[in-house]
Amino acid sequence: MPAKKKTKIEKKSNFVARALQNPRVWGFIFRSGLFATFFILAFNTASTTFFNDNPIFHVQFLAETVIGLAFGVFGFHTVPIIAEKSREWFENVLAKVVYDIVTDFWNEQSKRMSDARRTKQKEKKKEREKKAHEQFKTALLVDTSVLIDGRIIEMVKAGFMDAEMIVPKGVVDELHLISDSNDDLKRAKGRRGLDMLNNLKKVTKVKIYSAPGDITKDEGVDKELVRLAKKYKGKLMTLDYNLNKVAKTANVTVLNVNELANAIKFPAIPGEKLKVKIVKAGKERKQGLAYMEDGTMLVVEGAKDKVGKRLTVTVSKIIQTDAGKMVFCEL
């Protein structure tokens, strides 16, 4: 075969291959097929005895041809448009159905997971509260004043108290805050309370209590203690006079070391000599104030101008109240 003729055949072959790769060519072929199909079907359908006996313009097959062409044009132009619109509609409907199914499934699963999570949280809360009820039932809730006082350690050592001690985290935080105070007396009390807490841990069971939902910093330590004792039916141990009154008003069982001391104390005998440091002037004229290691206030007559000095004083009288002891002394 001559090279020139072969080149022409290859060019035609390449042209046809490129044409077949064009979607428009395939679209035209498809439309042409529809045209032919609709034309043939319409022509055959229209080819009836009526048109055979009564041809239009006396031209045989003219009516069938016109009808076939009309339907062929309909198949070539309109049917693809209808098919495309139908495809888009079907895809949209299918997409919406799938979307609704997936969305409903996900919402249902999310609801189930949320319900399961809430149920689990409720069960955990019930279990925690049940455990707290059992724990508080046999334990003592200890406040700041008891730790600063320190006598509870001797009572435990003597065997008068064998219950577990519960110290809310708010109490520990308050002791830390007091121990960082600029006031020497407050700082000493705070440090004494922390030391007593560490010593108490050595002689009995002590738990630092902190549970989500049971402790709110906005309440303050006293309200926290009363609420915990009331909620879990626990016993509150305190030396704080105001806390004692508030707790009893809330029908909380209160154990007051001072009340115990009042019940078992021996009559005080004046005349004991003490060496103390006058820390500030008293309210009354010529009085100075000093404090014992446990925080008991000493009122020293005639020591108003001796603030900062260490003096030997003689106890003149002792007054014991629910709020604590007041010791009156003379130089």
C-alpha atoms as a PDB file:
ATOM      1  CA  MET A   1       0.000   0.000   0.000  1.00  0.00           C
ATOM      2  CA  PRO A   2       1.410   3.369  -0.952  1.00  0.00           C
ATOM      3  CA  ALA A   3       2.600   5.490   1.978  1.00  0.00           C
ATOM      4  CA  LYS A   4       0.424   8.428   0.938  1.00  0.00           C
ATOM      5  CA  LYS A   5      -2.736   6.301   0.916  1.00  0.00           C
ATOM      6  CA  LYS A   6      -1.747   4.722   4.240  1.00  0.00           C
ATOM      7  CA  THR A   7      -1.296   8.166   5.765  1.00  0.00           C
ATOM      8  CA  LYS A   8      -4.801   9.194   4.690  1.00  0.00           C
ATOM      9  CA  ILE A   9      -6.305   6.040   6.253  1.00  0.00           C
ATOM     10  CA  GLU A  10      -4.397   6.681   9.512  1.00  0.00           C
ATOM     11  CA  LYS A  11      -5.599  10.294   9.586  1.00  0.00           C
ATOM     12  CA  LYS A  12      -9.191   9.169   9.104  1.00  0.00           C
ATOM     13  CA  SER A  13      -8.769   6.543  11.823  1.00  0.00           C
ATOM     14  CA  ASN A  14      -7.316   9.103  14.233  1.00  0.00           C
ATOM     15  CA  PHE A  15     -10.081  11.544  13.399  1.00  0.00           C
ATOM     16  CA  VAL A  16     -12.748   8.922  14.148  1.00  0.00           C
ATOM     17  CA  ALA A  17     -11.006   7.924  17.407  1.00  0.00           C
ATOM     18  CA  ARG A  18     -10.825  11.552  18.555  1.00  0.00           C
ATOM     19  CA  ALA A  19     -14.447  12.087  17.556  1.00  0.00           C
ATOM     20  CA  LEU A  20     -15.562   9.075  19.578  1.00  0.00           C
ATOM     21  CA  GLN A  21     -13.773  10.486  22.612  1.00  0.00           C
ATOM     22  CA  ASN A  22     -15.926  13.631  22.423  1.00  0.00           C
ATOM     23  CA  PRO A  23     -19.061  13.339  24.635  1.00  0.00           C
ATOM     24  CA  ARG A  24     -20.988  15.560  22.200  1.00  0.00           C
ATOM     25  CA  VAL A  25     -20.508  12.984  19.412  1.00  0.00           C
ATOM     26  CA  TRP A  26     -21.895  10.239  21.624  1.00  0.00           C
ATOM     27  CA  GLY A  27     -24.749  12.538  22.581  1.00  0.00           C
ATOM     28  CA  PHE A  28     -25.525  13.164  18.925  1.00  0.00           C
ATOM     29  CA  ILE A  29     -25.407   9.427  18.169  1.00  0.00           C
ATOM     30  CA  PHE A  30     -27.734   8.725  21.119  1.00  0.00           C
ATOM     31  CA  ARG A  31     -30.183  11.458  20.023  1.00  0.00           C
ATOM     32  CA  SER A  32     -30.062  10.165  16.453  1.00  0.00           C
ATOM     33  CA  GLY A  33     -30.907   6.711  17.711  1.00  0.00           C
ATOM     34  CA  LEU A  34     -33.860   8.136  19.601  1.00  0.00           C
ATOM     35  CA  PHE A  35     -34.933  10.041  16.506  1.00  0.00           C
ATOM     36  CA  ALA A  36     -34.847   6.869  14.415  1.00  0.00           C
ATOM     37  CA  THR A  37     -36.648   4.821  17.079  1.00  0.00           C
ATOM     38  CA  PHE A  38     -39.449   7.353  17.591  1.00  0.00           C
ATOM     39  CA  PHE A  39     -39.736   7.910  13.823  1.00  0.00           C
ATOM     40  CA  ILE A  40     -40.133   4.203  13.072  1.00  0.00           C
ATOM     41  CA  LEU A  41     -42.599   3.630  15.925  1.00  0.00           C
ATOM     42  CA  ALA A  42     -44.708   6.661  14.960  1.00  0.00           C
ATOM     43  CA  PHE A  43     -44.586   5.833  11.235  1.00  0.00           C
ATOM     44  CA  ASN A  44     -45.723   2.254  11.819  1.00  0.00           C
ATOM     45  CA  THR A  45     -48.401   3.356  14.264  1.00  0.00           C
ATOM     46  CA  ALA A  46     -49.741   6.007  11.860  1.00  0.00           C
ATOM     47  CA  SER A  47     -49.737   3.600   8.922  1.00  0.00           C
ATOM     48  CA  THR A  48     -53.420   2.676   9.187  1.00  0.00           C
ATOM     49  CA  THR A  49     -56.220   1.970   6.732  1.00  0.00           C
ATOM     50  CA  PHE A  50     -57.506   5.543   7.155  1.00  0.00           C
ATOM     51  CA  PHE A  51     -54.330   7.188   5.871  1.00  0.00           C
ATOM     52  CA  ASN A  52     -53.930   4.532   3.189  1.00  0.00           C
ATOM     53  CA  ASP A  53     -57.440   5.243   1.852  1.00  0.00           C
ATOM     54  CA  ASN A  54     -57.242   9.020   2.399  1.00  0.00           C
ATOM     55  CA  PRO A  55     -53.669  10.195   1.782  1.00  0.00           C
ATOM     56  CA  ILE A  56     -52.930  13.876   2.482  1.00  0.00           C
ATOM     57  CA  PHE A  57     -52.630  15.872  -0.713  1.00  0.00           C
ATOM     58  CA  HIS A  58     -53.067  12.523  -2.443  1.00  0.00           C
ATOM     59  CA  VAL A  59     -49.450  11.725  -1.581  1.00  0.00           C
ATOM     60  CA  GLN A  60     -48.987   8.199  -0.286  1.00  0.00           C
ATOM     61  CA  PHE A  61     -47.211   7.916   3.099  1.00  0.00           C
ATOM     62  CA  LEU A  62     -47.049  11.737   3.516  1.00  0.00           C
ATOM     63  CA  ALA A  63     -49.089  11.685   6.733  1.00  0.00           C
ATOM     64  CA  GLU A  64     -47.102   8.806   8.187  1.00  0.00           C
ATOM     65  CA  THR A  65     -43.859  10.591   7.319  1.00  0.00           C
ATOM     66  CA  VAL A  66     -44.946  13.893   8.908  1.00  0.00           C
ATOM     67  CA  ILE A  67     -46.101  12.131  12.065  1.00  0.00           C
ATOM     68  CA  GLY A  68     -42.913  10.057  12.159  1.00  0.00           C
ATOM     69  CA  LEU A  69     -40.772  13.220  11.752  1.00  0.00           C
ATOM     70  CA  ALA A  70     -42.694  15.002  14.542  1.00  0.00           C
ATOM     71  CA  PHE A  71     -42.166  12.124  16.921  1.00  0.00           C
ATOM     72  CA  GLY A  72     -38.563  11.724  15.739  1.00  0.00           C
ATOM     73  CA  VAL A  73     -37.882  15.408  16.571  1.00  0.00           C
ATOM     74  CA  PHE A  74     -39.586  14.832  19.933  1.00  0.00           C
ATOM     75  CA  GLY A  75     -37.270  11.874  20.577  1.00  0.00           C
ATOM     76  CA  PHE A  76     -34.186  13.785  19.340  1.00  0.00           C
ATOM     77  CA  HIS A  77     -34.799  17.045  21.279  1.00  0.00           C
ATOM     78  CA  THR A  78     -37.331  16.619  24.081  1.00  0.00           C
ATOM     79  CA  VAL A  79     -36.783  13.086  25.377  1.00  0.00           C
ATOM     80  CA  PRO A  80     -33.100  13.734  26.367  1.00  0.00           C
ATOM     81  CA  ILE A  81     -34.183  16.887  28.232  1.00  0.00           C
ATOM     82  CA  ILE A  82     -36.913  14.947  30.044  1.00  0.00           C
ATOM     83  CA  ALA A  83     -34.421  12.157  30.784  1.00  0.00           C
ATOM     84  CA  GLU A  84     -31.865  14.651  32.179  1.00  0.00           C
ATOM     85  CA  LYS A  85     -34.486  16.358  34.367  1.00  0.00           C
ATOM     86  CA  SER A  86     -35.752  12.976  35.523  1.00  0.00           C
ATOM     87  CA  ARG A  87     -32.201  11.909  36.368  1.00  0.00           C
ATOM     88  CA  GLU A  88     -31.604  15.099  38.368  1.00  0.00           C
ATOM     89  CA  TRP A  89     -34.939  14.653  40.163  1.00  0.00           C
ATOM     90  CA  PHE A  90     -34.162  11.018  40.947  1.00  0.00           C
ATOM     91  CA  GLU A  91     -30.671  11.889  42.203  1.00  0.00           C
ATOM     92  CA  ASN A  92     -32.075  14.669  44.419  1.00  0.00           C
ATOM     93  CA  VAL A  93     -34.766  12.360  45.804  1.00  0.00           C
ATOM     94  CA  LEU A  94     -32.233   9.593  46.366  1.00  0.00           C
ATOM     95  CA  ALA A  95     -29.782  12.017  48.010  1.00  0.00           C
ATOM     96  CA  LYS A  96     -32.526  13.370  50.289  1.00  0.00           C
ATOM     97  CA  VAL A  97     -33.657   9.867  51.235  1.00  0.00           C
ATOM     98  CA  VAL A  98     -30.087   8.805  52.003  1.00  0.00           C
ATOM     99  CA  TYR A  99     -29.468  12.056  53.919  1.00  0.00           C
ATOM    100  CA  ASP A 100     -32.641  11.593  55.972  1.00  0.00           C
ATOM    101  CA  ILE A 101     -31.762   7.979  56.727  1.00  0.00           C
ATOM    102  CA  VAL A 102     -28.191   8.840  57.768  1.00  0.00           C
ATOM    103  CA  THR A 103     -29.345  11.889  59.782  1.00  0.00           C
ATOM    104  CA  ASP A 104     -32.071   9.921  61.574  1.00  0.00           C
ATOM    105  CA  PHE A 105     -29.633   7.101  62.284  1.00  0.00           C
ATOM    106  CA  TRP A 106     -26.990   9.492  63.633  1.00  0.00           C
ATOM    107  CA  ASN A 107     -29.527  11.419  65.723  1.00  0.00           C
ATOM    108  CA  GLU A 108     -30.824   8.169  67.166  1.00  0.00           C
ATOM    109  CA  GLN A 109     -27.312   6.971  67.961  1.00  0.00           C
ATOM    110  CA  SER A 110     -26.406  10.356  69.483  1.00  0.00           C
ATOM    111  CA  LYS A 111     -29.548  10.262  71.616  1.00  0.00           C
ATOM    112  CA  ARG A 112     -28.748   6.729  72.744  1.00  0.00           C
ATOM    113  CA  MET A 113     -25.156   7.684  73.584  1.00  0.00           C
ATOM    114  CA  SER A 114     -26.348  10.820  75.411  1.00  0.00           C
ATOM    115  CA  ASP A 115     -28.956   8.836  77.345  1.00  0.00           C
ATOM    116  CA  ALA A 116     -26.381   6.181  78.187  1.00  0.00           C
ATOM    117  CA  ARG A 117     -23.924   8.847  79.346  1.00  0.00           C
ATOM    118  CA  ARG A 118     -26.564  10.541  81.521  1.00  0.00           C
ATOM    119  CA  THR A 119     -27.623   7.200  82.952  1.00  0.00           C
ATOM    120  CA  LYS A 120     -24.012   6.341  83.727  1.00  0.00           C
ATOM    121  CA  GLN A 121     -23.478   9.728  85.380  1.00  0.00           C
ATOM    122  CA  LYS A 122     -26.631   9.278  87.460  1.00  0.00           C
ATOM    123  CA  GLU A 123     -25.501   5.817  88.511  1.00  0.00           C
ATOM    124  CA  LYS A 124     -22.060   7.162  89.437  1.00  0.00           C
ATOM    125  CA  LYS A 125     -23.657   9.993  91.425  1.00  0.00           C
ATOM    126  CA  LYS A 126     -25.968   7.571  93.244  1.00  0.00           C
ATOM    127  CA  GLU A 127     -23.055   5.249  93.982  1.00  0.00           C
ATOM    128  CA  ARG A 128     -20.934   8.169  95.228  1.00  0.00           C
ATOM    129  CA  GLU A 129     -23.726   9.488  97.437  1.00  0.00           C
ATOM    130  CA  LYS A 130     -24.464   6.008  98.768  1.00  0.00           C
ATOM    131  CA  LYS A 131     -20.799   5.590  99.634  1.00  0.00           C
ATOM    132  CA  ALA A 132     -20.718   9.069 101.212  1.00  0.00           C
ATOM    133  CA  HIS A 133     -23.827   8.292 103.298  1.00  0.00           C
ATOM    134  CA  GLU A 134     -22.212   5.121 104.620  1.00  0.00           C
ATOM    135  CA  GLN A 135     -18.961   6.927 105.309  1.00  0.00           C
ATOM    136  CA  PHE A 136     -20.469   9.966 107.038  1.00  0.00           C
ATOM    137  CA  LYS A 137     -22.751   7.732 109.100  1.00  0.00           C
ATOM    138  CA  THR A 138     -19.864   6.500 111.246  1.00  0.00           C
ATOM    139  CA  ALA A 139     -17.360   9.329 110.761  1.00  0.00           C
ATOM    140  CA  LEU A 140     -16.884  12.793 112.271  1.00  0.00           C
ATOM    141  CA  LEU A 141     -16.820  15.947 110.171  1.00  0.00           C
ATOM    142  CA  VAL A 142     -14.012  18.135 111.563  1.00  0.00           C
ATOM    143  CA  ASP A 143     -13.803  21.903 111.139  1.00  0.00           C
ATOM    144  CA  THR A 144     -10.925  24.392 111.290  1.00  0.00           C
ATOM    145  CA  SER A 145     -11.313  25.358 114.948  1.00  0.00           C
ATOM    146  CA  VAL A 146     -10.988  21.737 116.148  1.00  0.00           C
ATOM    147  CA  LEU A 147      -7.692  21.285 114.286  1.00  0.00           C
ATOM    148  CA  ILE A 148      -6.275  24.545 115.615  1.00  0.00           C
ATOM    149  CA  ASP A 149      -7.353  23.597 119.146  1.00  0.00           C
ATOM    150  CA  GLY A 150      -5.579  20.221 118.923  1.00  0.00           C
ATOM    151  CA  ARG A 151      -7.217  18.528 121.923  1.00  0.00           C
ATOM    152  CA  ILE A 152      -8.898  16.034 119.619  1.00  0.00           C
ATOM    153  CA  ILE A 153      -5.538  14.267 119.180  1.00  0.00           C
ATOM    154  CA  GLU A 154      -5.283  13.538 122.896  1.00  0.00           C
ATOM    155  CA  MET A 155      -8.886  12.340 122.924  1.00  0.00           C
ATOM    156  CA  VAL A 156      -8.113   9.928 120.070  1.00  0.00           C
ATOM    157  CA  LYS A 157      -4.950   8.711 121.775  1.00  0.00           C
ATOM    158  CA  ALA A 158      -6.903   8.144 124.981  1.00  0.00           C
ATOM    159  CA  GLY A 159      -9.349   5.950 123.081  1.00  0.00           C
ATOM    160  CA  PHE A 160     -12.391   8.173 123.529  1.00  0.00           C
ATOM    161  CA  MET A 161     -12.749   8.593 119.740  1.00  0.00           C
ATOM    162  CA  ASP A 162     -12.117   5.806 117.258  1.00  0.00           C
ATOM    163  CA  ALA A 163     -14.293   7.063 114.391  1.00  0.00           C
ATOM    164  CA  GLU A 164     -12.847   8.076 111.027  1.00  0.00           C
ATOM    165  CA  MET A 165     -12.242  11.820 110.703  1.00  0.00           C
ATOM    166  CA  ILE A 166     -13.446  13.607 107.561  1.00  0.00           C
ATOM    167  CA  VAL A 167     -11.835  16.950 106.770  1.00  0.00           C
ATOM    168  CA  PRO A 168     -13.391  18.800 103.790  1.00  0.00           C
ATOM    169  CA  LYS A 169     -10.879  20.276 101.377  1.00  0.00           C
ATOM    170  CA  GLY A 170     -12.336  23.717 102.141  1.00  0.00           C
ATOM    171  CA  VAL A 171     -11.090  23.373 105.736  1.00  0.00           C
ATOM    172  CA  VAL A 172      -7.577  22.514 104.550  1.00  0.00           C
ATOM    173  CA  ASP A 173      -7.641  25.456 102.134  1.00  0.00           C
ATOM    174  CA  GLU A 174      -8.743  27.758 104.959  1.00  0.00           C
ATOM    175  CA  LEU A 175      -5.854  26.575 107.145  1.00  0.00           C
ATOM    176  CA  HIS A 176      -3.416  27.272 104.308  1.00  0.00           C
ATOM    177  CA  LEU A 177      -4.927  30.726 103.873  1.00  0.00           C
ATOM    178  CA  ILE A 178      -4.628  31.492 107.611  1.00  0.00           C
ATOM    179  CA  SER A 179      -1.056  30.181 107.713  1.00  0.00           C
ATOM    180  CA  ASP A 180      -0.114  32.709 104.995  1.00  0.00           C
ATOM    181  CA  SER A 181      -1.643  35.644 106.884  1.00  0.00           C
ATOM    182  CA  ASN A 182       0.383  38.789 107.647  1.00  0.00           C
ATOM    183  CA  ASP A 183      -0.909  38.667 111.221  1.00  0.00           C
ATOM    184  CA  ASP A 184       1.523  36.729 113.441  1.00  0.00           C
ATOM    185  CA  LEU A 185      -1.213  35.244 115.608  1.00  0.00           C
ATOM    186  CA  LYS A 186      -3.329  34.085 112.660  1.00  0.00           C
ATOM    187  CA  ARG A 187      -0.270  32.680 110.917  1.00  0.00           C
ATOM    188  CA  ALA A 188       0.670  30.708 114.042  1.00  0.00           C
ATOM    189  CA  LYS A 189      -2.893  29.346 114.312  1.00  0.00           C
ATOM    190  CA  GLY A 190      -2.924  28.259 110.687  1.00  0.00           C
ATOM    191  CA  ARG A 191       0.381  26.465 110.982  1.00  0.00           C
ATOM    192  CA  ARG A 192      -0.699  24.842 114.242  1.00  0.00           C
ATOM    193  CA  GLY A 193      -3.888  23.594 112.531  1.00  0.00           C
ATOM    194  CA  LEU A 194      -1.894  22.071 109.637  1.00  0.00           C
ATOM    195  CA  ASP A 195       0.526  20.432 112.081  1.00  0.00           C
ATOM    196  CA  MET A 196      -2.389  19.013 114.072  1.00  0.00           C
ATOM    197  CA  LEU A 197      -3.956  17.635 110.870  1.00  0.00           C
ATOM    198  CA  ASN A 198      -0.705  15.825 110.026  1.00  0.00           C
ATOM    199  CA  ASN A 199      -0.435  14.510 113.588  1.00  0.00           C
ATOM    200  CA  LEU A 200      -4.074  13.400 113.530  1.00  0.00           C
ATOM    201  CA  LYS A 201      -3.388  11.337 110.405  1.00  0.00           C
ATOM    202  CA  LYS A 202      -0.756   9.409 112.379  1.00  0.00           C
ATOM    203  CA  VAL A 203      -3.129   8.337 115.148  1.00  0.00           C
ATOM    204  CA  THR A 204      -6.423   7.693 113.297  1.00  0.00           C
ATOM    205  CA  LYS A 205      -8.050   7.441 109.893  1.00  0.00           C
ATOM    206  CA  VAL A 206      -8.395  10.861 108.263  1.00  0.00           C
ATOM    207  CA  LYS A 207      -9.916  11.510 104.833  1.00  0.00           C
ATOM    208  CA  ILE A 208      -9.641  14.801 102.953  1.00  0.00           C
ATOM    209  CA  TYR A 209     -13.103  14.987 101.365  1.00  0.00           C
ATOM    210  CA  SER A 210     -13.650  16.522  97.963  1.00  0.00           C
ATOM    211  CA  ALA A 211     -16.462  15.409  95.644  1.00  0.00           C
ATOM    212  CA  PRO A 212     -17.844  17.104  92.484  1.00  0.00           C
ATOM    213  CA  GLY A 213     -21.174  18.754  93.204  1.00  0.00           C
ATOM    214  CA  ASP A 214     -20.758  18.559  96.993  1.00  0.00           C
ATOM    215  CA  ILE A 215     -18.317  21.430  97.474  1.00  0.00           C
ATOM    216  CA  THR A 216     -18.777  24.944  96.108  1.00  0.00           C
ATOM    217  CA  LYS A 217     -16.174  27.599  96.844  1.00  0.00           C
ATOM    218  CA  ASP A 218     -18.788  30.353  96.816  1.00  0.00           C
ATOM    219  CA  GLU A 219     -20.534  28.952  99.902  1.00  0.00           C
ATOM    220  CA  GLY A 220     -17.750  29.420 102.408  1.00  0.00           C
ATOM    221  CA  VAL A 221     -16.374  26.757 104.742  1.00  0.00           C
ATOM    222  CA  ASP A 222     -19.076  27.027 107.438  1.00  0.00           C
ATOM    223  CA  LYS A 223     -21.964  26.629 104.982  1.00  0.00           C
ATOM    224  CA  GLU A 224     -20.131  23.802 103.300  1.00  0.00           C
ATOM    225  CA  LEU A 225     -19.712  21.955 106.605  1.00  0.00           C
ATOM    226  CA  VAL A 226     -23.350  22.368 107.594  1.00  0.00           C
ATOM    227  CA  ARG A 227     -24.632  21.310 104.171  1.00  0.00           C
ATOM    228  CA  LEU A 228     -22.435  18.212 104.043  1.00  0.00           C
ATOM    229  CA  ALA A 229     -23.423  17.179 107.568  1.00  0.00           C
ATOM    230  CA  LYS A 230     -27.114  17.704 106.838  1.00  0.00           C
ATOM    231  CA  LYS A 231     -27.032  16.002 103.429  1.00  0.00           C
ATOM    232  CA  TYR A 232     -25.260  12.861 104.606  1.00  0.00           C
ATOM    233  CA  LYS A 233     -26.618  12.773 108.193  1.00  0.00           C
ATOM    234  CA  GLY A 234     -23.118  13.192 109.608  1.00  0.00           C
ATOM    235  CA  LYS A 235     -21.878  14.550 112.935  1.00  0.00           C
ATOM    236  CA  LEU A 236     -20.058  17.869 112.971  1.00  0.00           C
ATOM    237  CA  MET A 237     -17.255  18.572 115.417  1.00  0.00           C
ATOM    238  CA  THR A 238     -16.523  22.256 115.997  1.00  0.00           C
ATOM    239  CA  LEU A 239     -15.416  24.814 118.564  1.00  0.00           C
ATOM    240  CA  ASP A 240     -16.804  27.750 116.585  1.00  0.00           C
ATOM    241  CA  TYR A 241     -19.641  29.346 118.552  1.00  0.00           C
ATOM    242  CA  ASN A 242     -21.540  30.716 115.526  1.00  0.00           C
ATOM    243  CA  LEU A 243     -21.100  27.525 113.497  1.00  0.00           C
ATOM    244  CA  ASN A 244     -22.362  25.579 116.498  1.00  0.00           C
ATOM    245  CA  LYS A 245     -25.565  27.638 116.581  1.00  0.00           C
ATOM    246  CA  VAL A 246     -26.135  27.506 112.811  1.00  0.00           C
ATOM    247  CA  ALA A 247     -25.598  23.733 112.709  1.00  0.00           C
ATOM    248  CA  LYS A 248     -28.021  23.092 115.552  1.00  0.00           C
ATOM    249  CA  THR A 249     -30.605  25.305 113.847  1.00  0.00           C
ATOM    250  CA  ALA A 250     -30.227  23.075 110.767  1.00  0.00           C
ATOM    251  CA  ASN A 251     -30.806  19.973 112.965  1.00  0.00           C
ATOM    252  CA  VAL A 252     -27.213  18.812 112.578  1.00  0.00           C
ATOM    253  CA  THR A 253     -25.659  16.823 115.407  1.00  0.00           C
ATOM    254  CA  VAL A 254     -22.778  18.884 116.817  1.00  0.00           C
ATOM    255  CA  LEU A 255     -19.939  17.667 119.031  1.00  0.00           C
ATOM    256  CA  ASN A 256     -18.282  20.545 120.876  1.00  0.00           C
ATOM    257  CA  VAL A 257     -15.021  19.872 122.684  1.00  0.00           C
ATOM    258  CA  ASN A 258     -15.652  22.838 124.963  1.00  0.00           C
ATOM    259  CA  GLU A 259     -18.980  21.389 126.047  1.00  0.00           C
ATOM    260  CA  LEU A 260     -17.195  18.114 126.767  1.00  0.00           C
ATOM    261  CA  ALA A 261     -14.546  20.002 128.729  1.00  0.00           C
ATOM    262  CA  ASN A 262     -17.267  21.796 130.697  1.00  0.00           C
ATOM    263  CA  ALA A 263     -18.828  18.461 131.533  1.00  0.00           C
ATOM    264  CA  ILE A 264     -15.623  16.868 132.888  1.00  0.00           C
ATOM    265  CA  LYS A 265     -13.538  19.861 134.028  1.00  0.00           C
ATOM    266  CA  PHE A 266     -12.343  20.368 137.590  1.00  0.00           C
ATOM    267  CA  PRO A 267     -13.002  23.711 139.298  1.00  0.00           C
ATOM    268  CA  ALA A 268     -10.348  26.223 138.289  1.00  0.00           C
ATOM    269  CA  ILE A 269      -8.089  27.400 141.059  1.00  0.00           C
ATOM    270  CA  PRO A 270      -6.788  30.980 140.655  1.00  0.00           C
ATOM    271  CA  GLY A 271      -3.195  31.668 141.504  1.00  0.00           C
ATOM    272  CA  GLU A 272      -1.414  29.785 138.716  1.00  0.00           C
ATOM    273  CA  LYS A 273       1.486  31.729 137.219  1.00  0.00           C
ATOM    274  CA  LEU A 274       1.955  31.926 133.416  1.00  0.00           C
ATOM    275  CA  LYS A 275       4.602  33.495 131.226  1.00  0.00           C
ATOM    276  CA  VAL A 276       2.924  35.171 128.248  1.00  0.00           C
ATOM    277  CA  LYS A 277       3.544  37.752 125.523  1.00  0.00           C
ATOM    278  CA  ILE A 278       1.238  40.770 125.386  1.00  0.00           C
ATOM    279  CA  VAL A 279       0.153  41.035 121.729  1.00  0.00           C
ATOM    280  CA  LYS A 280      -2.242  43.989 121.807  1.00  0.00           C
ATOM    281  CA  ALA A 281      -4.253  46.326 123.967  1.00  0.00           C
ATOM    282  CA  GLY A 282      -7.645  45.207 125.261  1.00  0.00           C
ATOM    283  CA  LYS A 283     -11.014  46.872 124.910  1.00  0.00           C
ATOM    284  CA  GLU A 284     -11.191  47.914 128.527  1.00  0.00           C
ATOM    285  CA  ARG A 285      -8.964  50.523 130.053  1.00  0.00           C
ATOM    286  CA  LYS A 286      -5.448  49.374 131.031  1.00  0.00           C
ATOM    287  CA  GLN A 287      -6.050  45.806 129.769  1.00  0.00           C
ATOM    288  CA  GLY A 288      -3.607  43.918 127.555  1.00  0.00           C
ATOM    289  CA  LEU A 289      -4.343  40.748 125.625  1.00  0.00           C
ATOM    290  CA  ALA A 290      -2.256  37.611 125.323  1.00  0.00           C
ATOM    291  CA  TYR A 291      -2.993  34.159 123.930  1.00  0.00           C
ATOM    292  CA  MET A 292      -2.100  30.669 124.997  1.00  0.00           C
ATOM    293  CA  GLU A 293      -0.798  28.131 122.484  1.00  0.00           C
ATOM    294  CA  ASP A 294      -4.293  26.730 121.861  1.00  0.00           C
ATOM    295  CA  GLY A 295      -5.695  30.204 121.143  1.00  0.00           C
ATOM    296  CA  THR A 296      -7.249  30.816 124.580  1.00  0.00           C
ATOM    297  CA  MET A 297      -7.399  34.541 125.233  1.00  0.00           C
ATOM    298  CA  LEU A 298      -5.821  35.976 128.372  1.00  0.00           C
ATOM    299  CA  VAL A 299      -6.955  39.375 129.623  1.00  0.00           C
ATOM    300  CA  VAL A 300      -4.124  40.933 131.654  1.00  0.00           C
ATOM    301  CA  GLU A 301      -4.981  43.875 133.864  1.00  0.00           C
ATOM    302  CA  GLY A 302      -2.515  46.769 133.775  1.00  0.00           C
ATOM    303  CA  ALA A 303      -0.681  45.529 130.651  1.00  0.00           C
ATOM    304  CA  LYS A 304      -2.053  47.926 128.029  1.00  0.00           C
ATOM    305  CA  ASP A 305       1.285  49.741 127.685  1.00  0.00           C
ATOM    306  CA  LYS A 306       3.370  46.536 127.624  1.00  0.00           C
ATOM    307  CA  VAL A 307       2.471  45.278 124.117  1.00  0.00           C
ATOM    308  CA  GLY A 308       5.251  43.087 122.672  1.00  0.00           C
ATOM    309  CA  LYS A 309       6.759  42.206 126.061  1.00  0.00           C
ATOM    310  CA  ARG A 310       6.856  38.777 127.745  1.00  0.00           C
ATOM    311  CA  LEU A 311       5.526  38.960 131.294  1.00  0.00           C
ATOM    312  CA  THR A 312       4.846  36.632 134.192  1.00  0.00           C
ATOM    313  CA  VAL A 313       1.184  36.909 135.175  1.00  0.00           C
ATOM    314  CA  THR A 314      -1.031  35.344 137.816  1.00  0.00           C
ATOM    315  CA  VAL A 315      -4.405  33.835 136.953  1.00  0.00           C
ATOM    316  CA  SER A 316      -7.154  35.621 138.859  1.00  0.00           C
ATOM    317  CA  LYS A 317     -10.233  33.920 137.390  1.00  0.00           C
ATOM    318  CA  ILE A 318     -11.288  31.645 134.509  1.00  0.00           C
ATOM    319  CA  ILE A 319     -14.552  31.886 132.606  1.00  0.00           C
ATOM    320  CA  GLN A 320     -15.568  28.849 130.513  1.00  0.00           C
ATOM    321  CA  THR A 321     -18.218  29.290 127.797  1.00  0.00           C
ATOM    322  CA  ASP A 322     -19.361  27.323 124.747  1.00  0.00           C
ATOM    323  CA  ALA A 323     -17.171  29.618 122.700  1.00  0.00           C
ATOM    324  CA  GLY A 324     -14.074  28.756 124.753  1.00  0.00           C
ATOM    325  CA  LYS A 325     -12.174  29.864 127.843  1.00  0.00           C
ATOM    326  CA  MET A 326     -11.420  33.402 128.911  1.00  0.00           C
ATOM    327  CA  VAL A 327      -8.647  33.735 131.464  1.00  0.00           C
ATOM    328  CA  PHE A 328      -8.252  36.922 133.518  1.00  0.00           C
ATOM    329  CA  CYS A 329      -4.811  37.619 134.900  1.00  0.00           C
ATOM    330  CA  GLU A 330      -2.935  40.229 136.912  1.00  0.00           C
ATOM    331  CA  LEU A 331       0.670  41.348 136.777  1.00  0.00           C
END
